[in-house]
Amino acid sequence: MAAIESLTGRGARPVLIALLVVYCSCVPAQDVAPVAATTYKKRVLENAELQILSSYYAQDGDNAAVTGGRGTEELTDVHPTVILAMPLSDDGVLTASFGVSAYTSASSSNVDPFDGRGQADPFQASTGASGDDIWINGTLTYAHSSEDRNTVVSGTVSGSNEYDYQSVGFGGSITRLLNEKNTELSLKANVFLDDWKLIYPIELRGQDDLLDESSRNSFNLGLNFSQVVSRSVQGMLSLDLVQQTGLLSTPFQRVYFADLTDRFSGNFPLADDIERLPDSRVKLALGGRLHAYLNERMVVRSFYRYYADDWGVGSHTLNVELPVKLGQYLTVRPSYRFYTQTAADYFAGFNEHLTDNRFYTSDYDLSAFVANQFSIGLSYSDILTRARLLGWGLKSIDVNISAYGRDNGFRATQLSLGVKVVND
């Protein structure tokens, strides 16, 4: 839910799914034993593991980009995902992920606000068919560990599809453990090739000079350095670089100009133009994480990230999580996240752009704002898998609820559930 607002946009979902699968397919250093002197070798993953994840997300606000920065942002989304990790050998793990996101969006329904019943209004959803969509994603990752378990190499392919947007991706990573597995270095790279179906606001369709580009390419490079500082402290530094080229605007988002006379159809203002943005963007993020073990019941997890891009957006993110063990199996995880960003050079609100501007957007994701997010989670872990579920050992259950808000009135809540079982 806006966990990484600046680094990702509409194409974020394939990126996040791919990173999740890579994470799930690599066993952490502290969980892997060195190669034994006997002929027995501990497998990277002893048994198949199945994760079933689901979330419900709801948001609302009054600054919809589809209607030029003024209008309802009401949206609901249900997102189930299944992730299966399977050991193919002592050293190799194949992970397959499949997810579906089914959403209803009041603002998207106003791409054509005249296709339903009643009078069109930017603050009311159209009753036509354009407000619903389904996003489907599949990811396949293979990770191979060296004999001494100090090197892990992985490769990933992914694909996703929705009504007006398709994406294919591929990438890989290499992780090296040093200093008796107290130091970890990793390098990851991903490429995403996306294509839009060019859908414009209904009142602008038929024009010949809107857009001549429908593809977008994203190239991502990440570097991580993790270090066990002491028995109770672990730190990590990260660097992420993203370069995007092609169609970086959203074709059906409207823009209104201050130096043109407003035109209406009923209560609905007719667009002056669509959103127009540069065809290239470079993003940089620097992050740091520090985990401190306080006692047998409490850990402090902190994270900070600085972000900047060549569109003028800069941001700071601070996240603090305080897991507390309530017993042998239960952990409660309260957390707080603070986020602030500057506006893109091309942003202005409803009816604030001028016709002599080359680029313009009224998407409030590119505005200046401050956001706060409060979350609480509850985890049940049965590492001995004594509990059984349909023949599988129940390894963990996680429940989390988050409340997110910006200082411009945007609000969102998310409820998520995750279950992991192991086939032993």
Protein backbone atom coordinates (compact mmCIF):
# COMPACT_ATOMS: atom_id res chain seq x y z
CA MET A 1 0.00 0.00 0.00
CA ALA A 2 2.38 2.79 -1.08
CA ALA A 3 5.24 0.97 0.60
CA ILE A 4 7.58 2.20 -2.13
CA GLU A 5 5.70 5.11 -3.73
CA SER A 6 8.60 6.67 -5.57
CA LEU A 7 10.43 3.68 -6.98
CA THR A 8 7.39 2.06 -8.53
CA GLY A 9 4.29 3.02 -10.41
CA ARG A 10 1.67 1.02 -12.26
CA GLY A 11 4.36 -1.53 -13.23
CA ALA A 12 5.23 -2.08 -9.57
CA ARG A 13 3.28 -5.27 -9.14
CA PRO A 14 5.49 -7.45 -11.40
CA VAL A 15 8.56 -6.00 -9.66
CA LEU A 16 7.23 -6.74 -6.19
CA ILE A 17 6.10 -10.25 -7.08
CA ALA A 18 9.47 -11.04 -8.65
CA LEU A 19 11.37 -9.78 -5.61
CA LEU A 20 9.05 -11.71 -3.28
CA VAL A 21 9.67 -14.93 -5.19
CA VAL A 22 13.44 -14.42 -5.23
CA TYR A 23 13.33 -13.84 -1.47
CA CYS A 24 11.22 -16.94 -0.85
CA SER A 25 13.49 -19.13 -2.98
CA CYS A 26 16.72 -18.29 -1.16
CA VAL A 27 17.34 -19.70 2.31
CA PRO A 28 18.81 -17.15 4.76
CA ALA A 29 22.42 -17.68 5.73
CA GLN A 30 21.71 -18.46 9.35
CA ASP A 31 19.37 -21.30 8.35
CA VAL A 32 21.93 -23.16 6.24
CA ALA A 33 24.50 -25.52 7.72
CA PRO A 34 28.01 -25.85 6.22
CA VAL A 35 28.78 -28.91 4.12
CA ALA A 36 29.44 -31.86 6.41
CA ALA A 37 32.60 -33.96 6.22
CA THR A 38 30.48 -37.09 5.58
CA THR A 39 28.66 -37.96 2.38
CA TYR A 40 25.46 -36.41 3.76
CA LYS A 41 24.76 -32.90 2.55
CA LYS A 42 21.98 -30.74 3.96
CA ARG A 43 19.55 -29.69 1.27
CA VAL A 44 18.92 -26.00 0.70
CA LEU A 45 15.20 -26.67 1.06
CA GLU A 46 14.31 -29.95 2.75
CA ASN A 47 10.65 -30.15 1.67
CA ALA A 48 8.18 -28.39 -0.59
CA GLU A 49 6.65 -25.26 0.92
CA LEU A 50 3.35 -23.67 -0.07
CA GLN A 51 2.36 -20.10 0.75
CA ILE A 52 -1.18 -18.83 0.33
CA LEU A 53 -1.43 -15.05 0.57
CA SER A 54 -4.48 -12.83 0.33
CA SER A 55 -5.20 -9.17 0.89
CA TYR A 56 -8.12 -6.76 0.82
CA TYR A 57 -7.35 -3.11 0.06
CA ALA A 58 -9.64 -0.07 0.06
CA GLN A 59 -8.87 3.60 -0.60
CA ASP A 60 -10.65 6.91 -1.06
CA GLY A 61 -9.77 10.52 -1.76
CA ASP A 62 -10.75 13.53 -3.87
CA ASN A 63 -7.82 13.92 -6.28
CA ALA A 64 -8.30 11.33 -9.02
CA ALA A 65 -5.83 11.64 -11.90
CA VAL A 66 -8.39 10.22 -14.34
CA THR A 67 -10.45 13.39 -13.85
CA GLY A 68 -7.52 15.82 -13.79
CA GLY A 69 -6.72 15.82 -10.07
CA ARG A 70 -10.27 16.49 -8.87
CA GLY A 71 -12.69 13.62 -8.33
CA THR A 72 -13.27 10.40 -6.45
CA GLU A 73 -10.36 8.01 -5.85
CA GLU A 74 -12.51 5.26 -4.37
CA LEU A 75 -11.07 1.81 -5.12
CA THR A 76 -11.26 -1.70 -3.67
CA ASP A 77 -8.96 -4.60 -4.51
CA VAL A 78 -8.82 -8.30 -3.59
CA HIS A 79 -5.49 -9.95 -4.28
CA PRO A 80 -4.89 -13.71 -3.68
CA THR A 81 -1.45 -15.20 -4.43
CA VAL A 82 -0.10 -18.75 -4.27
CA ILE A 83 3.66 -19.43 -4.02
CA LEU A 84 5.07 -22.96 -4.25
CA ALA A 85 8.76 -23.64 -3.53
CA MET A 86 10.03 -27.09 -4.52
CA PRO A 87 13.50 -28.62 -4.02
CA LEU A 88 14.72 -30.03 -7.36
CA SER A 89 17.99 -31.28 -5.87
CA ASP A 90 20.16 -30.80 -2.82
CA ASP A 91 21.30 -27.45 -4.25
CA GLY A 92 18.40 -26.19 -6.37
CA VAL A 93 14.98 -24.74 -5.58
CA LEU A 94 12.26 -23.90 -8.09
CA THR A 95 9.65 -21.37 -6.98
CA ALA A 96 6.42 -20.72 -8.87
CA SER A 97 4.05 -17.86 -8.05
CA PHE A 98 0.59 -17.04 -9.39
CA GLY A 99 -1.49 -14.06 -8.35
CA VAL A 100 -4.77 -12.41 -9.31
CA SER A 101 -5.84 -8.88 -8.46
CA ALA A 102 -9.53 -8.07 -8.95
CA TYR A 103 -10.39 -4.42 -8.39
CA THR A 104 -13.24 -1.96 -8.72
CA SER A 105 -12.24 1.66 -9.30
CA ALA A 106 -14.57 4.63 -9.27
CA SER A 107 -12.00 6.86 -10.98
CA SER A 108 -11.27 4.33 -13.75
CA SER A 109 -15.00 4.12 -14.44
CA ASN A 110 -14.82 7.82 -15.36
CA VAL A 111 -12.57 7.18 -18.36
CA ASP A 112 -16.00 7.12 -19.99
CA PRO A 113 -18.32 8.82 -17.49
CA PHE A 114 -21.21 8.80 -19.96
CA ASP A 115 -21.55 5.01 -20.40
CA GLY A 116 -23.77 4.47 -17.37
CA ARG A 117 -27.06 5.62 -15.94
CA GLY A 118 -27.44 9.04 -14.40
CA GLN A 119 -25.59 12.31 -14.90
CA ALA A 120 -21.80 12.20 -15.24
CA ASP A 121 -19.91 13.69 -12.29
CA PRO A 122 -16.17 13.47 -11.40
CA PHE A 123 -17.08 12.75 -7.77
CA GLN A 124 -19.38 9.87 -8.68
CA ALA A 125 -18.46 6.53 -10.25
CA SER A 126 -19.99 5.78 -13.62
CA THR A 127 -22.24 2.73 -13.62
CA GLY A 128 -20.74 1.54 -16.90
CA ALA A 129 -18.40 -1.43 -17.38
CA SER A 130 -15.07 0.45 -17.34
CA GLY A 131 -14.63 0.47 -13.56
CA ASP A 132 -13.71 -3.20 -13.07
CA ASP A 133 -10.58 -5.09 -14.12
CA ILE A 134 -8.51 -8.16 -13.30
CA TRP A 135 -4.71 -8.28 -13.20
CA ILE A 136 -3.00 -11.68 -13.50
CA ASN A 137 0.66 -12.39 -12.76
CA GLY A 138 2.88 -15.46 -12.95
CA THR A 139 6.52 -15.76 -11.90
CA LEU A 140 9.02 -18.61 -12.08
CA THR A 141 12.36 -18.54 -10.24
CA TYR A 142 15.18 -21.07 -10.02
CA ALA A 143 17.87 -20.61 -7.33
CA HIS A 144 21.05 -22.72 -7.12
CA SER A 145 23.40 -22.81 -4.12
CA SER A 146 27.06 -23.79 -4.23
CA GLU A 147 28.41 -26.85 -2.41
CA ASP A 148 29.66 -24.74 0.51
CA ARG A 149 26.40 -22.74 0.57
CA ASN A 150 28.33 -19.48 0.25
CA THR A 151 27.03 -18.57 -3.21
CA VAL A 152 23.44 -18.46 -4.46
CA VAL A 153 22.61 -17.75 -8.12
CA SER A 154 19.01 -17.29 -9.28
CA GLY A 155 17.10 -16.50 -12.45
CA THR A 156 13.52 -15.26 -12.83
CA VAL A 157 10.95 -14.92 -15.62
CA SER A 158 7.56 -13.28 -15.15
CA GLY A 159 4.50 -12.14 -17.02
CA SER A 160 1.39 -10.15 -16.17
CA ASN A 161 -1.72 -9.02 -17.99
CA GLU A 162 -4.75 -6.82 -17.54
CA TYR A 163 -7.21 -5.26 -19.93
CA ASP A 164 -5.04 -2.38 -21.12
CA TYR A 165 -1.56 -3.40 -19.95
CA GLN A 166 0.81 -6.35 -20.48
CA SER A 167 4.27 -6.97 -19.08
CA VAL A 168 7.00 -9.60 -19.40
CA GLY A 169 10.10 -9.63 -17.26
CA PHE A 170 13.29 -11.53 -16.67
CA GLY A 171 16.27 -11.14 -14.40
CA GLY A 172 18.65 -12.74 -11.99
CA SER A 173 20.70 -12.31 -8.85
CA ILE A 174 23.91 -13.53 -7.26
CA THR A 175 24.50 -13.60 -3.51
CA ARG A 176 27.86 -14.23 -1.87
CA LEU A 177 28.34 -15.05 1.83
CA LEU A 178 31.68 -14.17 3.41
CA ASN A 179 33.34 -13.97 6.79
CA GLU A 180 31.82 -17.23 8.09
CA LYS A 181 28.45 -16.11 6.71
CA ASN A 182 28.47 -12.90 8.74
CA THR A 183 28.77 -10.76 5.59
CA GLU A 184 26.45 -10.94 2.60
CA LEU A 185 26.85 -9.24 -0.77
CA SER A 186 24.19 -9.46 -3.46
CA LEU A 187 23.68 -8.10 -6.94
CA LYS A 188 20.34 -8.29 -8.75
CA ALA A 189 19.17 -7.12 -12.16
CA ASN A 190 15.74 -7.17 -13.79
CA VAL A 191 14.27 -6.09 -17.12
CA PHE A 192 10.55 -5.45 -17.70
CA LEU A 193 9.09 -4.97 -21.16
CA ASP A 194 5.60 -3.47 -20.98
CA ASP A 195 2.99 -2.52 -23.52
CA TRP A 196 -0.12 -0.38 -23.23
CA LYS A 197 -3.42 -0.58 -25.01
CA LEU A 198 -3.92 3.11 -25.71
CA ILE A 199 -7.26 4.04 -24.14
CA TYR A 200 -8.05 7.76 -24.02
CA PRO A 201 -10.74 9.78 -22.23
CA ILE A 202 -13.96 9.35 -24.20
CA GLU A 203 -14.17 13.01 -25.26
CA LEU A 204 -10.66 12.98 -26.82
CA ARG A 205 -10.95 9.80 -28.86
CA GLY A 206 -10.60 10.17 -32.61
CA GLN A 207 -7.80 12.74 -32.48
CA ASP A 208 -4.69 11.86 -34.50
CA ASP A 209 -1.98 13.52 -32.44
CA LEU A 210 -2.34 12.06 -28.95
CA LEU A 211 0.36 9.37 -28.56
CA ASP A 212 2.55 7.42 -30.99
CA GLU A 213 4.23 5.21 -28.36
CA SER A 214 2.67 2.28 -26.49
CA SER A 215 5.65 0.46 -24.97
CA ARG A 216 7.71 0.97 -21.84
CA ASN A 217 11.00 -0.66 -20.84
CA SER A 218 12.36 -0.74 -17.29
CA PHE A 219 15.90 -1.73 -16.31
CA ASN A 220 16.52 -2.32 -12.59
CA LEU A 221 19.85 -2.87 -10.84
CA GLY A 222 20.22 -3.46 -7.09
CA LEU A 223 23.20 -3.85 -4.75
CA ASN A 224 22.92 -5.03 -1.14
CA PHE A 225 25.53 -5.29 1.60
CA SER A 226 24.49 -7.00 4.84
CA GLN A 227 26.66 -7.40 7.93
CA VAL A 228 26.26 -9.11 11.28
CA VAL A 229 27.73 -6.42 13.53
CA SER A 230 27.44 -8.35 16.78
CA ARG A 231 25.40 -11.14 18.32
CA SER A 232 22.51 -8.69 18.73
CA VAL A 233 22.85 -6.25 15.81
CA GLN A 234 22.60 -6.75 12.05
CA GLY A 235 22.77 -4.00 9.43
CA MET A 236 22.19 -3.68 5.68
CA LEU A 237 22.93 -1.02 3.04
CA SER A 238 21.23 -1.00 -0.36
CA LEU A 239 21.50 0.85 -3.66
CA ASP A 240 18.81 0.62 -6.35
CA LEU A 241 18.97 2.13 -9.83
CA VAL A 242 16.06 2.18 -12.28
CA GLN A 243 16.01 3.48 -15.84
CA GLN A 244 12.72 3.67 -17.74
CA THR A 245 12.10 4.55 -21.37
CA GLY A 246 9.01 4.76 -23.57
CA LEU A 247 5.45 5.64 -22.58
CA LEU A 248 5.72 6.78 -18.95
CA SER A 249 2.40 8.61 -18.78
CA THR A 250 -1.06 7.06 -18.41
CA PRO A 251 -3.10 7.63 -21.59
CA PHE A 252 -6.52 8.00 -19.94
CA GLN A 253 -5.55 10.57 -17.29
CA ARG A 254 -6.94 14.04 -18.03
CA VAL A 255 -5.32 17.48 -17.77
CA TYR A 256 -7.08 20.88 -17.61
CA PHE A 257 -5.45 24.22 -18.50
CA ALA A 258 -5.92 27.49 -16.64
CA ASP A 259 -5.65 29.57 -19.84
CA LEU A 260 -8.43 27.74 -21.69
CA THR A 261 -12.16 28.15 -21.19
CA ASP A 262 -13.74 25.28 -19.30
CA ARG A 263 -16.11 23.03 -21.25
CA PHE A 264 -18.75 20.88 -19.59
CA SER A 265 -21.16 18.11 -20.40
CA GLY A 266 -23.62 18.33 -17.55
CA ASN A 267 -21.53 18.36 -14.36
CA PHE A 268 -18.51 16.77 -16.01
CA PRO A 269 -15.61 18.98 -17.23
CA LEU A 270 -14.33 17.88 -20.64
CA ALA A 271 -10.58 17.33 -20.83
CA ASP A 272 -8.25 19.80 -22.51
CA ASP A 273 -5.57 17.13 -23.04
CA ILE A 274 -4.20 13.87 -21.67
CA GLU A 275 -1.29 13.56 -19.25
CA ARG A 276 2.06 14.05 -21.02
CA LEU A 277 5.40 13.15 -19.43
CA PRO A 278 8.98 12.67 -20.67
CA ASP A 279 9.86 9.39 -22.37
CA SER A 280 12.73 8.64 -19.98
CA ARG A 281 13.21 8.56 -16.23
CA VAL A 282 16.13 7.66 -14.00
CA LYS A 283 15.54 6.73 -10.34
CA LEU A 284 18.00 6.29 -7.49
CA ALA A 285 17.33 4.93 -4.00
CA LEU A 286 19.76 4.54 -1.09
CA GLY A 287 18.61 2.57 1.90
CA GLY A 288 19.78 1.31 5.25
CA ARG A 289 18.36 -1.26 7.65
CA LEU A 290 19.31 -1.96 11.28
CA HIS A 291 17.92 -4.84 13.34
CA ALA A 292 18.70 -4.95 17.04
CA TYR A 293 17.97 -7.89 19.35
CA LEU A 294 16.99 -6.46 22.74
CA ASN A 295 16.06 -9.62 24.63
CA GLU A 296 14.45 -12.98 24.05
CA ARG A 297 11.05 -11.35 23.55
CA MET A 298 11.76 -8.12 21.69
CA VAL A 299 13.53 -6.98 18.50
CA VAL A 300 13.75 -3.51 16.94
CA ARG A 301 13.74 -3.34 13.14
CA SER A 302 14.42 0.04 11.55
CA PHE A 303 14.73 1.12 7.93
CA TYR A 304 15.53 4.40 6.15
CA ARG A 305 15.57 5.19 2.44
CA TYR A 306 16.39 8.27 0.38
CA TYR A 307 15.01 8.51 -3.15
CA ALA A 308 15.57 10.94 -6.03
CA ASP A 309 14.83 11.00 -9.76
CA ASP A 310 15.38 13.29 -12.74
CA TRP A 311 11.72 14.39 -12.72
CA GLY A 312 12.32 16.38 -9.55
CA VAL A 313 10.78 13.93 -7.09
CA GLY A 314 12.73 13.40 -3.86
CA SER A 315 11.59 11.44 -0.84
CA HIS A 316 12.51 10.15 2.60
CA THR A 317 11.10 6.98 4.16
CA LEU A 318 11.48 5.88 7.77
CA ASN A 319 10.02 2.63 9.07
CA VAL A 320 10.19 1.18 12.57
CA GLU A 321 8.85 -2.23 13.56
CA LEU A 322 8.83 -3.69 17.08
CA PRO A 323 8.10 -7.45 17.07
CA VAL A 324 7.26 -8.77 20.54
CA LYS A 325 7.02 -12.48 21.32
CA LEU A 326 3.92 -13.30 23.33
CA GLY A 327 4.92 -16.91 23.86
CA GLN A 328 6.58 -19.81 22.14
CA TYR A 329 4.49 -19.49 18.97
CA LEU A 330 2.90 -16.02 18.88
CA THR A 331 4.50 -12.69 17.89
CA VAL A 332 2.80 -9.30 17.63
CA ARG A 333 4.36 -6.76 15.22
CA PRO A 334 3.36 -3.11 15.61
CA SER A 335 5.02 -0.77 13.11
CA TYR A 336 5.03 2.85 11.96
CA ARG A 337 6.10 4.28 8.63
CA PHE A 338 6.73 7.95 7.78
CA TYR A 339 7.05 9.16 4.19
CA THR A 340 7.53 12.59 2.64
CA GLN A 341 8.20 13.63 -0.95
CA THR A 342 8.62 16.70 -3.14
CA ALA A 343 6.51 17.27 -6.26
CA ALA A 344 7.59 16.37 -9.77
CA ASP A 345 8.55 19.29 -11.99
CA TYR A 346 5.56 18.56 -14.21
CA PHE A 347 2.85 18.42 -11.54
CA ALA A 348 0.05 20.91 -11.01
CA GLY A 349 -3.50 20.53 -9.74
CA PHE A 350 -6.85 20.76 -11.49
CA ASN A 351 -7.01 23.70 -13.94
CA GLU A 352 -3.51 24.89 -12.97
CA HIS A 353 -1.40 23.90 -16.01
CA LEU A 354 -0.68 26.29 -18.91
CA THR A 355 -0.87 25.45 -22.60
CA ASP A 356 2.75 26.47 -23.22
CA ASN A 357 4.00 23.68 -20.91
CA ARG A 358 5.57 20.74 -22.75
CA PHE A 359 4.89 18.18 -20.02
CA TYR A 360 2.08 18.10 -17.48
CA THR A 361 0.31 15.81 -15.02
CA SER A 362 -2.29 16.19 -12.28
CA ASP A 363 -1.55 12.79 -10.74
CA TYR A 364 -1.26 13.39 -6.99
CA ASP A 365 1.14 10.45 -6.66
CA LEU A 366 3.61 12.93 -8.20
CA SER A 367 2.62 15.82 -5.91
CA ALA A 368 4.29 16.93 -2.69
CA PHE A 369 2.80 15.18 0.33
CA VAL A 370 3.46 13.67 3.74
CA ALA A 371 2.14 10.21 4.58
CA ASN A 372 1.84 8.14 7.74
CA GLN A 373 1.13 4.44 7.99
CA PHE A 374 0.31 2.47 11.13
CA SER A 375 0.29 -1.32 11.04
CA ILE A 376 -0.10 -4.20 13.42
CA GLY A 377 0.49 -7.84 12.64
CA LEU A 378 0.16 -11.14 14.44
CA SER A 379 2.26 -14.19 13.57
CA TYR A 380 1.89 -17.82 14.59
CA SER A 381 4.94 -19.99 13.91
CA ASP A 382 5.14 -23.75 14.42
CA ILE A 383 8.65 -24.61 13.27
CA LEU A 384 8.12 -28.25 14.27
CA THR A 385 4.95 -28.34 12.13
CA ARG A 386 3.03 -30.33 14.69
CA ALA A 387 -0.23 -28.81 13.49
CA ARG A 388 -1.53 -30.43 10.29
CA LEU A 389 -3.60 -28.92 7.47
CA LEU A 390 -4.81 -31.24 4.69
CA GLY A 391 -1.76 -33.44 5.09
CA TRP A 392 0.67 -30.52 5.16
CA GLY A 393 2.49 -29.28 8.23
CA LEU A 394 1.41 -25.79 9.28
CA LYS A 395 4.58 -23.68 9.44
CA SER A 396 3.18 -20.18 9.99
CA ILE A 397 0.14 -17.90 9.86
CA ASP A 398 0.45 -14.14 9.50
CA VAL A 399 -2.30 -11.52 9.79
CA ASN A 400 -1.67 -7.81 9.25
CA ILE A 401 -3.81 -4.67 9.12
CA SER A 402 -2.57 -1.24 8.00
CA ALA A 403 -4.02 2.25 7.98
CA TYR A 404 -2.43 4.76 5.60
CA GLY A 405 -3.09 8.48 5.17
CA ARG A 406 -1.69 11.48 3.32
CA ASP A 407 -1.96 15.12 4.29
CA ASN A 408 -4.07 15.79 1.16
CA GLY A 409 -6.97 13.67 2.46
CA PHE A 410 -6.14 10.38 0.75
CA ARG A 411 -6.88 7.36 2.98
CA ALA A 412 -6.36 3.62 2.58
CA THR A 413 -6.64 0.46 4.64
CA GLN A 414 -5.33 -3.02 3.97
CA LEU A 415 -5.96 -6.38 5.59
CA SER A 416 -3.68 -9.26 4.65
CA LEU A 417 -3.46 -12.94 5.54
CA GLY A 418 -0.65 -15.39 4.83
CA VAL A 419 -0.42 -19.13 5.50
CA LYS A 420 2.70 -21.27 4.94
CA VAL A 421 2.58 -25.06 4.99
CA VAL A 422 5.32 -27.64 4.38
CA ASN A 423 5.07 -31.09 2.83
CA ASP A 424 7.20 -33.40 4.96
